[in-house]
């Protein structure tokens, strides 16, 4: 396995397939409908515009096994040092340490880009993701009870955060 910077041309279809499998079969995403292929150019363009990484884990043949990224946490300027991240692993490759490896790569990218707080919104029934985050030093920052409704039930959304030692010299404005 190796890590690569994902692109629309090389990885867009595989990322979409991973997203859509998670939408249809899990509460990892609080979407109802699979995303159409035409959603991917805009998704990649937003990542590029924000200088946000899309890190892929690929096998020796170049097949995408999973990916991780982050984006703005909230739109107001004072949140500029906080990012909200996502990690998704293809269903056939879960439980092999890929999520951990991808999240470690993402943490390194956030440090390199001088972010201060990484935030993960996790469905509170997703024990695997919670355990992964806690193992890497994330702490539970709060839960919004019944924040979502999917699969005929209310979903509680937990927020997990990791405070980084960066930036060295934060500034207002």
N, C-alpha and C. Protein backbone atom coordinates (compact mmCIF):
# COMPACT_ATOMS: atom_id res chain seq x y z
N UNK A 1 0.85 -1.18 0.00
CA UNK A 1 0.00 0.00 0.00
C UNK A 1 0.89 1.23 0.00
N UNK A 2 0.42 2.25 -0.71
CA UNK A 2 1.10 3.53 -0.69
C UNK A 2 0.05 4.64 -0.66
N UNK A 3 0.50 5.82 -0.29
CA UNK A 3 -0.39 6.98 -0.21
C UNK A 3 -0.13 7.89 -1.39
N UNK A 4 -1.22 8.39 -1.97
CA UNK A 4 -1.13 9.27 -3.13
C UNK A 4 -2.08 10.44 -2.94
N UNK A 5 -1.79 11.52 -3.65
CA UNK A 5 -2.72 12.64 -3.73
C UNK A 5 -3.77 12.26 -4.78
N UNK A 6 -5.01 12.21 -4.37
CA UNK A 6 -6.07 11.80 -5.28
C UNK A 6 -6.41 12.91 -6.26
N UNK A 7 -6.83 12.50 -7.44
CA UNK A 7 -7.30 13.44 -8.46
C UNK A 7 -8.64 12.95 -9.00
N UNK A 8 -9.36 13.87 -9.61
CA UNK A 8 -10.65 13.51 -10.20
C UNK A 8 -10.47 12.43 -11.26
N UNK A 9 -9.53 12.62 -12.17
CA UNK A 9 -9.36 11.67 -13.26
C UNK A 9 -8.95 10.29 -12.78
N UNK A 10 -8.02 10.25 -11.84
CA UNK A 10 -7.49 8.96 -11.40
C UNK A 10 -8.36 8.26 -10.37
N UNK A 11 -9.06 9.04 -9.52
CA UNK A 11 -9.72 8.44 -8.37
C UNK A 11 -11.18 8.86 -8.16
N UNK A 12 -11.68 9.76 -8.97
CA UNK A 12 -13.03 10.27 -8.77
C UNK A 12 -14.10 9.19 -8.73
N UNK A 13 -14.06 8.27 -9.67
CA UNK A 13 -15.07 7.21 -9.73
C UNK A 13 -14.98 6.29 -8.51
N UNK A 14 -13.75 5.97 -8.08
CA UNK A 14 -13.57 5.09 -6.93
C UNK A 14 -14.02 5.78 -5.64
N UNK A 15 -13.71 7.07 -5.51
CA UNK A 15 -14.16 7.82 -4.33
C UNK A 15 -15.68 7.86 -4.31
N UNK A 16 -16.29 8.12 -5.45
CA UNK A 16 -17.75 8.15 -5.53
C UNK A 16 -18.35 6.82 -5.13
N UNK A 17 -17.76 5.73 -5.58
CA UNK A 17 -18.27 4.40 -5.22
C UNK A 17 -18.16 4.15 -3.72
N UNK A 18 -17.07 4.60 -3.10
CA UNK A 18 -16.91 4.44 -1.65
C UNK A 18 -17.93 5.30 -0.92
N UNK A 19 -18.08 6.55 -1.34
CA UNK A 19 -19.11 7.42 -0.75
C UNK A 19 -20.47 6.76 -0.84
N UNK A 20 -20.83 6.32 -2.03
CA UNK A 20 -22.19 5.82 -2.24
C UNK A 20 -22.46 4.54 -1.48
N UNK A 21 -21.48 3.67 -1.35
CA UNK A 21 -21.66 2.47 -0.54
C UNK A 21 -21.94 2.87 0.91
N UNK A 22 -21.20 3.86 1.42
CA UNK A 22 -21.40 4.32 2.79
C UNK A 22 -22.77 4.99 2.97
N UNK A 23 -23.21 5.73 1.96
CA UNK A 23 -24.53 6.38 2.05
C UNK A 23 -25.63 5.34 2.13
N UNK A 24 -25.57 4.33 1.27
CA UNK A 24 -26.62 3.32 1.18
C UNK A 24 -26.62 2.36 2.37
N UNK A 25 -25.45 2.05 2.91
CA UNK A 25 -25.36 0.97 3.89
C UNK A 25 -24.95 1.38 5.30
N UNK A 26 -24.73 2.66 5.56
CA UNK A 26 -24.24 3.04 6.88
C UNK A 26 -24.73 4.42 7.29
N UNK A 27 -24.38 4.77 8.50
CA UNK A 27 -24.65 6.13 8.97
C UNK A 27 -23.36 6.94 9.04
N UNK A 28 -22.34 6.52 8.28
CA UNK A 28 -21.11 7.29 8.20
C UNK A 28 -21.36 8.63 7.52
N UNK A 29 -22.32 8.66 6.61
CA UNK A 29 -22.77 9.89 5.97
C UNK A 29 -24.26 10.01 6.22
N UNK A 30 -24.70 11.20 6.56
CA UNK A 30 -26.12 11.40 6.81
C UNK A 30 -26.84 11.84 5.53
N UNK A 31 -26.40 11.32 4.39
CA UNK A 31 -27.09 11.51 3.12
C UNK A 31 -28.09 10.38 2.93
N UNK A 32 -29.12 10.64 2.14
CA UNK A 32 -30.10 9.60 1.84
C UNK A 32 -29.86 8.94 0.48
N UNK A 33 -29.49 9.74 -0.50
CA UNK A 33 -29.39 9.24 -1.87
C UNK A 33 -27.93 9.19 -2.31
N UNK A 34 -27.57 8.16 -3.07
CA UNK A 34 -26.22 8.13 -3.63
C UNK A 34 -25.96 9.40 -4.44
N UNK A 35 -24.72 9.80 -4.45
CA UNK A 35 -24.34 11.01 -5.19
C UNK A 35 -24.15 10.66 -6.66
N UNK A 36 -24.52 11.58 -7.54
CA UNK A 36 -24.34 11.31 -8.97
C UNK A 36 -22.89 11.60 -9.39
N UNK A 37 -22.45 11.01 -10.49
CA UNK A 37 -21.08 11.24 -10.97
C UNK A 37 -20.76 12.73 -11.17
N UNK A 38 -21.75 13.50 -11.58
CA UNK A 38 -21.49 14.92 -11.84
C UNK A 38 -21.21 15.73 -10.56
N UNK A 39 -21.36 15.12 -9.38
CA UNK A 39 -21.04 15.82 -8.14
C UNK A 39 -19.53 15.85 -7.87
N UNK A 40 -18.78 14.96 -8.48
CA UNK A 40 -17.37 14.83 -8.15
C UNK A 40 -16.48 15.98 -8.64
N UNK A 41 -16.68 16.53 -9.83
CA UNK A 41 -15.83 17.67 -10.20
C UNK A 41 -15.94 18.84 -9.21
N UNK A 42 -17.13 19.14 -8.76
CA UNK A 42 -17.30 20.22 -7.79
C UNK A 42 -16.66 19.90 -6.45
N UNK A 43 -16.75 18.62 -6.05
CA UNK A 43 -16.14 18.20 -4.78
C UNK A 43 -14.63 18.39 -4.85
N UNK A 44 -14.02 17.93 -5.92
CA UNK A 44 -12.57 18.09 -6.09
C UNK A 44 -12.19 19.56 -6.23
N UNK A 45 -13.00 20.33 -6.93
CA UNK A 45 -12.70 21.75 -7.12
C UNK A 45 -12.72 22.49 -5.77
N UNK A 46 -13.68 22.15 -4.91
CA UNK A 46 -13.74 22.77 -3.58
C UNK A 46 -12.52 22.39 -2.75
N UNK A 47 -12.08 21.15 -2.84
CA UNK A 47 -10.88 20.73 -2.10
C UNK A 47 -9.67 21.50 -2.60
N UNK A 48 -9.55 21.63 -3.92
CA UNK A 48 -8.42 22.34 -4.51
C UNK A 48 -8.45 23.83 -4.13
N UNK A 49 -9.62 24.44 -4.19
CA UNK A 49 -9.74 25.86 -3.88
C UNK A 49 -9.35 26.15 -2.43
N UNK A 50 -9.65 25.23 -1.52
CA UNK A 50 -9.31 25.41 -0.12
C UNK A 50 -7.94 24.90 0.26
N UNK A 51 -7.21 24.37 -0.71
CA UNK A 51 -5.89 23.76 -0.46
C UNK A 51 -6.01 22.61 0.55
N UNK A 52 -7.10 21.85 0.43
CA UNK A 52 -7.35 20.72 1.32
C UNK A 52 -6.91 19.43 0.64
N UNK A 53 -6.16 18.60 1.34
CA UNK A 53 -5.67 17.36 0.72
C UNK A 53 -6.78 16.33 0.54
N UNK A 54 -6.61 15.50 -0.45
CA UNK A 54 -7.40 14.28 -0.62
C UNK A 54 -6.35 13.18 -0.75
N UNK A 55 -6.17 12.44 0.33
CA UNK A 55 -5.12 11.43 0.41
C UNK A 55 -5.73 10.06 0.17
N UNK A 56 -5.17 9.35 -0.77
CA UNK A 56 -5.67 8.01 -1.07
C UNK A 56 -4.68 6.94 -0.66
N UNK A 57 -5.20 5.79 -0.27
CA UNK A 57 -4.40 4.60 -0.05
C UNK A 57 -4.67 3.69 -1.24
N UNK A 58 -3.61 3.34 -1.96
CA UNK A 58 -3.76 2.49 -3.14
C UNK A 58 -2.91 1.24 -2.99
N UNK A 59 -3.35 0.18 -3.66
CA UNK A 59 -2.57 -1.06 -3.65
C UNK A 59 -1.55 -1.03 -4.79
N UNK A 60 -0.83 -2.11 -4.96
CA UNK A 60 0.24 -2.17 -5.96
C UNK A 60 -0.26 -1.97 -7.38
N UNK A 61 -1.55 -2.24 -7.62
CA UNK A 61 -2.11 -2.06 -8.96
C UNK A 61 -2.71 -0.67 -9.16
N UNK A 62 -2.68 0.14 -8.11
CA UNK A 62 -3.25 1.48 -8.20
C UNK A 62 -4.70 1.57 -7.79
N UNK A 63 -5.28 0.46 -7.35
CA UNK A 63 -6.69 0.46 -6.91
C UNK A 63 -6.81 1.24 -5.61
N UNK A 64 -7.79 2.13 -5.56
CA UNK A 64 -8.04 2.93 -4.36
C UNK A 64 -8.71 2.07 -3.29
N UNK A 65 -8.07 1.99 -2.12
CA UNK A 65 -8.58 1.19 -1.01
C UNK A 65 -9.36 2.05 -0.02
N UNK A 66 -9.03 3.32 0.02
CA UNK A 66 -9.69 4.26 0.92
C UNK A 66 -9.10 5.64 0.71
N UNK A 67 -9.74 6.64 1.33
CA UNK A 67 -9.26 8.01 1.18
C UNK A 67 -9.63 8.82 2.41
N UNK A 68 -8.94 9.93 2.55
CA UNK A 68 -9.19 10.83 3.67
C UNK A 68 -9.01 12.27 3.20
N UNK A 69 -9.77 13.16 3.80
CA UNK A 69 -9.67 14.56 3.43
C UNK A 69 -10.18 15.41 4.59
N UNK A 70 -10.00 16.70 4.45
CA UNK A 70 -10.65 17.62 5.37
C UNK A 70 -11.05 18.87 4.62
N UNK A 71 -11.86 19.67 5.31
CA UNK A 71 -12.34 20.92 4.75
C UNK A 71 -12.63 21.88 5.88
N UNK A 72 -13.16 23.01 5.53
CA UNK A 72 -13.48 24.03 6.54
C UNK A 72 -14.44 23.47 7.57
N UNK A 73 -14.23 23.85 8.82
CA UNK A 73 -15.15 23.44 9.87
C UNK A 73 -16.39 24.32 9.85
N UNK A 74 -16.21 25.60 9.85
CA UNK A 74 -17.31 26.56 9.73
C UNK A 74 -16.82 27.72 8.88
N UNK A 75 -17.75 28.51 8.37
CA UNK A 75 -17.41 29.53 7.37
C UNK A 75 -16.83 30.83 7.94
N UNK A 76 -16.95 31.08 9.22
CA UNK A 76 -16.51 32.36 9.76
C UNK A 76 -14.99 32.40 9.93
N UNK A 77 -14.39 33.57 9.74
CA UNK A 77 -12.93 33.69 9.72
C UNK A 77 -12.20 33.16 10.96
N UNK A 78 -12.76 33.31 12.13
CA UNK A 78 -12.06 32.89 13.34
C UNK A 78 -11.88 31.38 13.43
N UNK A 79 -12.57 30.62 12.57
CA UNK A 79 -12.41 29.16 12.55
C UNK A 79 -11.31 28.71 11.59
N UNK A 80 -10.51 29.64 11.10
CA UNK A 80 -9.54 29.33 10.04
C UNK A 80 -8.50 28.29 10.43
N UNK A 81 -8.30 28.05 11.72
CA UNK A 81 -7.32 27.06 12.15
C UNK A 81 -7.96 25.70 12.49
N UNK A 82 -9.25 25.56 12.21
CA UNK A 82 -9.96 24.30 12.48
C UNK A 82 -10.43 23.68 11.17
N UNK A 83 -10.32 22.36 11.09
CA UNK A 83 -10.80 21.63 9.93
C UNK A 83 -11.63 20.44 10.38
N UNK A 84 -12.61 20.09 9.55
CA UNK A 84 -13.41 18.89 9.79
C UNK A 84 -12.98 17.84 8.78
N UNK A 85 -12.67 16.65 9.27
CA UNK A 85 -12.10 15.63 8.41
C UNK A 85 -13.05 14.45 8.20
N UNK A 86 -12.70 13.66 7.19
CA UNK A 86 -13.43 12.43 6.86
C UNK A 86 -12.43 11.38 6.44
N UNK A 87 -12.72 10.15 6.81
CA UNK A 87 -11.91 9.00 6.40
C UNK A 87 -12.88 7.91 5.96
N UNK A 88 -12.67 7.40 4.76
CA UNK A 88 -13.53 6.34 4.24
C UNK A 88 -12.67 5.23 3.66
N UNK A 89 -13.02 4.00 4.01
CA UNK A 89 -12.30 2.84 3.51
C UNK A 89 -13.31 1.96 2.74
N UNK A 90 -12.88 1.48 1.58
CA UNK A 90 -13.71 0.59 0.78
C UNK A 90 -14.15 -0.58 1.67
N UNK A 91 -15.41 -0.98 1.55
CA UNK A 91 -15.98 -2.00 2.45
C UNK A 91 -15.19 -3.31 2.44
N UNK A 92 -14.56 -3.65 1.34
CA UNK A 92 -13.80 -4.91 1.27
C UNK A 92 -12.44 -4.82 1.96
N UNK A 93 -12.05 -3.62 2.38
CA UNK A 93 -10.72 -3.43 2.96
C UNK A 93 -10.77 -2.88 4.39
N UNK A 94 -11.94 -2.89 4.99
CA UNK A 94 -12.06 -2.40 6.36
C UNK A 94 -11.46 -3.41 7.34
N UNK A 95 -11.04 -2.91 8.49
CA UNK A 95 -10.51 -3.77 9.54
C UNK A 95 -9.06 -4.20 9.31
N UNK A 96 -8.37 -3.53 8.40
CA UNK A 96 -6.98 -3.88 8.08
C UNK A 96 -6.00 -2.78 8.46
N UNK A 97 -6.46 -1.77 9.18
CA UNK A 97 -5.58 -0.68 9.59
C UNK A 97 -5.49 0.47 8.61
N UNK A 98 -6.25 0.41 7.53
CA UNK A 98 -6.19 1.49 6.53
C UNK A 98 -6.73 2.81 7.07
N UNK A 99 -7.81 2.75 7.82
CA UNK A 99 -8.38 3.97 8.38
C UNK A 99 -7.39 4.67 9.29
N UNK A 100 -6.72 3.89 10.12
CA UNK A 100 -5.71 4.45 11.02
C UNK A 100 -4.57 5.10 10.22
N UNK A 101 -4.08 4.38 9.22
CA UNK A 101 -2.97 4.90 8.41
C UNK A 101 -3.38 6.18 7.67
N UNK A 102 -4.59 6.19 7.13
CA UNK A 102 -5.07 7.39 6.43
C UNK A 102 -5.23 8.56 7.40
N UNK A 103 -5.78 8.30 8.57
CA UNK A 103 -5.96 9.38 9.54
C UNK A 103 -4.61 9.91 10.01
N UNK A 104 -3.63 9.06 10.17
CA UNK A 104 -2.29 9.52 10.53
C UNK A 104 -1.70 10.42 9.44
N UNK A 105 -1.91 10.05 8.19
CA UNK A 105 -1.47 10.89 7.07
C UNK A 105 -2.17 12.24 7.09
N UNK A 106 -3.45 12.23 7.40
CA UNK A 106 -4.23 13.45 7.44
C UNK A 106 -3.79 14.37 8.59
N UNK A 107 -3.49 13.79 9.73
CA UNK A 107 -2.98 14.57 10.86
C UNK A 107 -1.67 15.24 10.47
N UNK A 108 -0.78 14.50 9.83
CA UNK A 108 0.49 15.07 9.38
C UNK A 108 0.27 16.22 8.40
N UNK A 109 -0.70 16.07 7.51
CA UNK A 109 -1.01 17.14 6.55
C UNK A 109 -1.54 18.38 7.28
N UNK A 110 -2.38 18.18 8.28
CA UNK A 110 -2.93 19.30 9.03
C UNK A 110 -1.84 20.05 9.79
N UNK A 111 -0.90 19.32 10.35
CA UNK A 111 0.24 19.95 11.03
C UNK A 111 1.06 20.74 10.01
N UNK A 112 1.34 20.13 8.87
CA UNK A 112 2.13 20.80 7.83
C UNK A 112 1.44 22.07 7.33
N UNK A 113 0.12 22.07 7.31
CA UNK A 113 -0.63 23.24 6.86
C UNK A 113 -0.95 24.20 8.01
N UNK A 114 -0.42 23.92 9.18
CA UNK A 114 -0.54 24.81 10.34
C UNK A 114 -1.96 24.96 10.87
N UNK A 115 -2.74 23.89 10.83
CA UNK A 115 -4.05 23.90 11.48
C UNK A 115 -3.87 23.61 12.96
N UNK A 116 -4.86 23.94 13.74
CA UNK A 116 -4.77 23.77 15.19
C UNK A 116 -5.71 22.70 15.74
N UNK A 117 -6.90 22.57 15.14
CA UNK A 117 -7.87 21.61 15.64
C UNK A 117 -8.44 20.81 14.47
N UNK A 118 -8.43 19.49 14.63
CA UNK A 118 -9.11 18.60 13.68
C UNK A 118 -10.37 18.10 14.36
N UNK A 119 -11.47 18.11 13.62
CA UNK A 119 -12.77 17.74 14.17
C UNK A 119 -13.37 16.65 13.30
N UNK A 120 -13.85 15.61 13.95
CA UNK A 120 -14.55 14.55 13.25
C UNK A 120 -15.97 14.45 13.78
N UNK A 121 -16.94 14.52 12.89
CA UNK A 121 -18.34 14.28 13.26
C UNK A 121 -18.63 12.81 13.04
N UNK A 122 -18.93 12.08 14.11
CA UNK A 122 -19.08 10.63 14.03
C UNK A 122 -20.42 10.20 14.60
N UNK A 123 -21.14 9.36 13.86
CA UNK A 123 -22.36 8.79 14.40
C UNK A 123 -22.00 8.00 15.65
N UNK A 124 -22.74 8.23 16.73
CA UNK A 124 -22.37 7.65 18.02
C UNK A 124 -22.51 6.13 18.07
N UNK A 125 -23.13 5.53 17.06
CA UNK A 125 -23.18 4.06 16.99
C UNK A 125 -21.98 3.48 16.24
N UNK A 126 -21.16 4.35 15.67
CA UNK A 126 -20.01 3.90 14.89
C UNK A 126 -18.82 3.67 15.83
N UNK A 127 -18.89 2.58 16.57
CA UNK A 127 -17.87 2.28 17.60
C UNK A 127 -16.47 2.13 17.01
N UNK A 128 -16.37 1.61 15.79
CA UNK A 128 -15.07 1.45 15.16
C UNK A 128 -14.39 2.79 14.92
N UNK A 129 -15.13 3.74 14.39
CA UNK A 129 -14.56 5.06 14.12
C UNK A 129 -14.23 5.78 15.42
N UNK A 130 -15.08 5.64 16.41
CA UNK A 130 -14.81 6.27 17.71
C UNK A 130 -13.53 5.69 18.31
N UNK A 131 -13.38 4.38 18.29
CA UNK A 131 -12.18 3.73 18.84
C UNK A 131 -10.93 4.18 18.07
N UNK A 132 -11.03 4.27 16.75
CA UNK A 132 -9.91 4.72 15.94
C UNK A 132 -9.48 6.13 16.36
N UNK A 133 -10.44 7.02 16.45
CA UNK A 133 -10.13 8.40 16.80
C UNK A 133 -9.52 8.49 18.20
N UNK A 134 -10.10 7.79 19.13
CA UNK A 134 -9.56 7.83 20.50
C UNK A 134 -8.15 7.25 20.55
N UNK A 135 -7.87 6.21 19.79
CA UNK A 135 -6.54 5.61 19.77
C UNK A 135 -5.48 6.59 19.24
N UNK A 136 -5.90 7.54 18.42
CA UNK A 136 -4.98 8.53 17.86
C UNK A 136 -5.02 9.85 18.62
N UNK A 137 -5.64 9.86 19.80
CA UNK A 137 -5.58 11.03 20.67
C UNK A 137 -6.75 11.98 20.58
N UNK A 138 -7.75 11.67 19.77
CA UNK A 138 -8.93 12.52 19.71
C UNK A 138 -9.75 12.34 20.99
N UNK A 139 -10.39 13.40 21.42
CA UNK A 139 -11.25 13.34 22.60
C UNK A 139 -12.67 13.76 22.23
N UNK A 140 -13.61 13.22 22.97
CA UNK A 140 -15.02 13.54 22.74
C UNK A 140 -15.27 14.97 23.19
N UNK A 141 -15.77 15.79 22.28
CA UNK A 141 -16.01 17.20 22.57
C UNK A 141 -17.49 17.51 22.77
N UNK A 142 -18.36 16.55 22.49
CA UNK A 142 -19.79 16.77 22.68
C UNK A 142 -20.61 15.96 21.71
N UNK A 143 -21.88 15.83 22.03
CA UNK A 143 -22.81 15.07 21.20
C UNK A 143 -24.07 15.90 20.98
N UNK A 144 -24.50 15.94 19.75
CA UNK A 144 -25.80 16.54 19.43
C UNK A 144 -26.76 15.38 19.28
N UNK A 145 -27.64 15.24 20.23
CA UNK A 145 -28.58 14.13 20.25
C UNK A 145 -29.66 14.33 19.18
N UNK A 146 -29.97 13.23 18.52
CA UNK A 146 -31.01 13.20 17.49
C UNK A 146 -30.79 14.26 16.41
N UNK A 147 -29.53 14.44 16.03
CA UNK A 147 -29.17 15.43 15.01
C UNK A 147 -29.61 15.02 13.62
N UNK A 148 -29.72 13.72 13.40
CA UNK A 148 -30.10 13.23 12.08
C UNK A 148 -31.15 12.15 12.19
N UNK A 149 -31.79 11.87 11.05
CA UNK A 149 -32.78 10.80 10.98
C UNK A 149 -32.52 10.01 9.72
N UNK A 150 -32.19 8.73 9.89
CA UNK A 150 -31.89 7.87 8.75
C UNK A 150 -32.19 6.43 9.15
N UNK A 151 -32.61 5.65 8.20
CA UNK A 151 -32.95 4.25 8.42
C UNK A 151 -34.04 4.10 9.49
N UNK A 152 -34.97 5.07 9.52
CA UNK A 152 -36.11 5.00 10.43
C UNK A 152 -35.80 5.26 11.89
N UNK A 153 -34.64 5.87 12.18
CA UNK A 153 -34.32 6.14 13.58
C UNK A 153 -33.54 7.44 13.70
N UNK A 154 -33.58 8.00 14.90
CA UNK A 154 -32.81 9.21 15.20
C UNK A 154 -31.36 8.85 15.42
N UNK A 155 -30.48 9.72 14.96
CA UNK A 155 -29.04 9.49 15.05
C UNK A 155 -28.38 10.57 15.89
N UNK A 156 -27.52 10.16 16.79
CA UNK A 156 -26.76 11.08 17.62
C UNK A 156 -25.40 11.32 16.97
N UNK A 157 -25.03 12.59 16.83
CA UNK A 157 -23.78 12.97 16.19
C UNK A 157 -22.78 13.42 17.25
N UNK A 158 -21.69 12.68 17.37
CA UNK A 158 -20.63 13.04 18.31
C UNK A 158 -19.53 13.79 17.59
N UNK A 159 -18.94 14.73 18.30
CA UNK A 159 -17.80 15.46 17.77
C UNK A 159 -16.56 15.06 18.55
N UNK A 160 -15.52 14.69 17.82
CA UNK A 160 -14.24 14.30 18.38
C UNK A 160 -13.19 15.25 17.85
N UNK A 161 -12.32 15.71 18.75
CA UNK A 161 -11.34 16.69 18.33
C UNK A 161 -9.93 16.29 18.74
N UNK A 162 -9.00 16.75 17.93
CA UNK A 162 -7.58 16.60 18.23
C UNK A 162 -6.98 17.99 18.17
N UNK A 163 -6.38 18.44 19.27
CA UNK A 163 -5.73 19.74 19.30
C UNK A 163 -4.27 19.53 18.93
N UNK A 164 -3.84 20.25 17.90
CA UNK A 164 -2.48 20.15 17.40
C UNK A 164 -1.63 21.29 17.97
N UNK A 165 -0.32 21.13 17.98
CA UNK A 165 0.59 22.14 18.53
C UNK A 165 0.81 23.30 17.56
N UNK A 166 0.22 23.22 16.39
CA UNK A 166 0.36 24.26 15.38
C UNK A 166 -0.86 25.16 15.40
N UNK A 167 -0.80 26.35 14.87
CA UNK A 167 0.36 27.05 14.34
C UNK A 167 1.21 27.65 15.47
N UNK A 168 2.45 27.91 15.15
CA UNK A 168 3.36 28.48 16.13
C UNK A 168 2.97 29.91 16.46
N UNK A 169 2.58 30.67 15.45
CA UNK A 169 2.23 32.08 15.61
C UNK A 169 0.84 32.37 15.02
N UNK A 170 -0.25 31.96 15.70
CA UNK A 170 -1.58 32.25 15.15
C UNK A 170 -1.84 33.76 15.14
N UNK A 171 -2.61 34.20 14.16
CA UNK A 171 -2.93 35.62 14.05
C UNK A 171 -4.41 35.81 13.81
N UNK A 172 -4.93 36.92 14.29
CA UNK A 172 -6.30 37.32 13.98
C UNK A 172 -6.39 37.76 12.53
N UNK A 173 -7.61 37.79 12.03
CA UNK A 173 -7.83 38.35 10.71
C UNK A 173 -7.50 37.45 9.56
